[in-house]
Amino acid sequence: MSKLIYFVLFTVLISCGEKPLEKTTVRGQAFGTTFSIQAYTNQNVDLEKGIDSILNLVNKSVSTYLPDSDISKINRGDTSVIVDQIFIDNFNLSSEVYQKTEGYFDPTIGVLRNAYGFGDIKPLKVIDTKALDSMLNYVGFHKVKLTETSKIWKEYPEIYFDFNAVAKGYGIDLIGDYLVSNKIQNFLIELGGELLAKGVNLKKNKTWVVGIENSFSTINDRSYSTSIMLKDIGMATSGNYRKFRVDSISKKRYVHTLNPLTGSAEKSNITSATVLASTCAKADAYATSFMALGFEKSIELINELDDIEVYLTYSDQDNIQQFFVTEGMKEIILD
């Protein structure tokens, strides 16, 4: 009789044991680009549905391409909008980086982005000194406030928010939180070239390995300068080697990186900036900042920060490509 009981108990324990972790891949489109998620899970959960819900929430809050989003309403001058936690988080992180970069990272640069043709509004035909002086009145994160009632105050109604340099990374962080809430501890999220890694690649039983794109890489022929190991960290890369617009009249090339202090669209001597940080949103913000700061100012700021690692490619005075790599980044480079 006792042997039968032991057999039944053993069978129950085996049947109730956790299923082995299996790799699940989710792909889709978001924020005007594509994403791919590799995750190891034994949970019966509809990841696609949950991820879509998160992306919709981010768009509803901070997408300038949706006319009914909170940020679009605020940009049109609606002062009655009570912003949600997504907007608040993007606002607060932007304020922090704005201060540390002394204004080189500035989400109120939207009016300039639109004027140069990098936003969602028809660009200006002529951008001269008079036009720049006028637009700079509406640029400056010190000219906006988040009130105690979760509303946005703007010194000028024309001030135009654009959180694109932080919102994509923030969305990735939210997806990461969602996966963790579903007991998924090993995953790699890639969205538009930005990454968030947690745990390890169980299939290879190794840390996640990713590439840093070459500054001369093209959309149709992407190549990588080096590979690094990522674990429990966010990564973002910014560069001006593909994002530019050629004016149809002057034929002048306007790069994607704008200087918020002068209003000019200028080519930085930094050709690409890859940043590692505790969150993808922070990595996103600083990668963009370094492009605007240029090499010398970027090095000064990097020396003041102790919570990021950086890989920069830049052109020296002889227009020869050089590299700058922080010590922490060197430790995880594979080749």
Foldseek 3Di string as FASTA:
>chain_A
DVVVVVVVVVVVVVVPDQDFWDWDWDKDDAPHFIKIKIFTDRDPDDLVVVLVVLRVVLCLAAPCQDCNRLQNCQLQPDQPDQHDPLNVVLLVLQVVVCVLLVRQRWQLLVVLCCQQPNDDHHHDLDDDPVNQVVVLVQTDSVQWDQDPRRTIDGVDSNRHGHSPLQSVLVSQVVSVVVCVVSVTFAMWMAIPNKIATADDDVVVPGFDKDFAWDLQADPVGTDGDFIFGDHQKIKDKDFFSYAWDQNPPPRDIFTPQAGSVRSGRDFAQWGMKMKIFNTNSSRSSLRSSCRSLHDPSNVVSVVVDDGMWMWIWGAPPVRDIDIDGDPVRVVGIDD
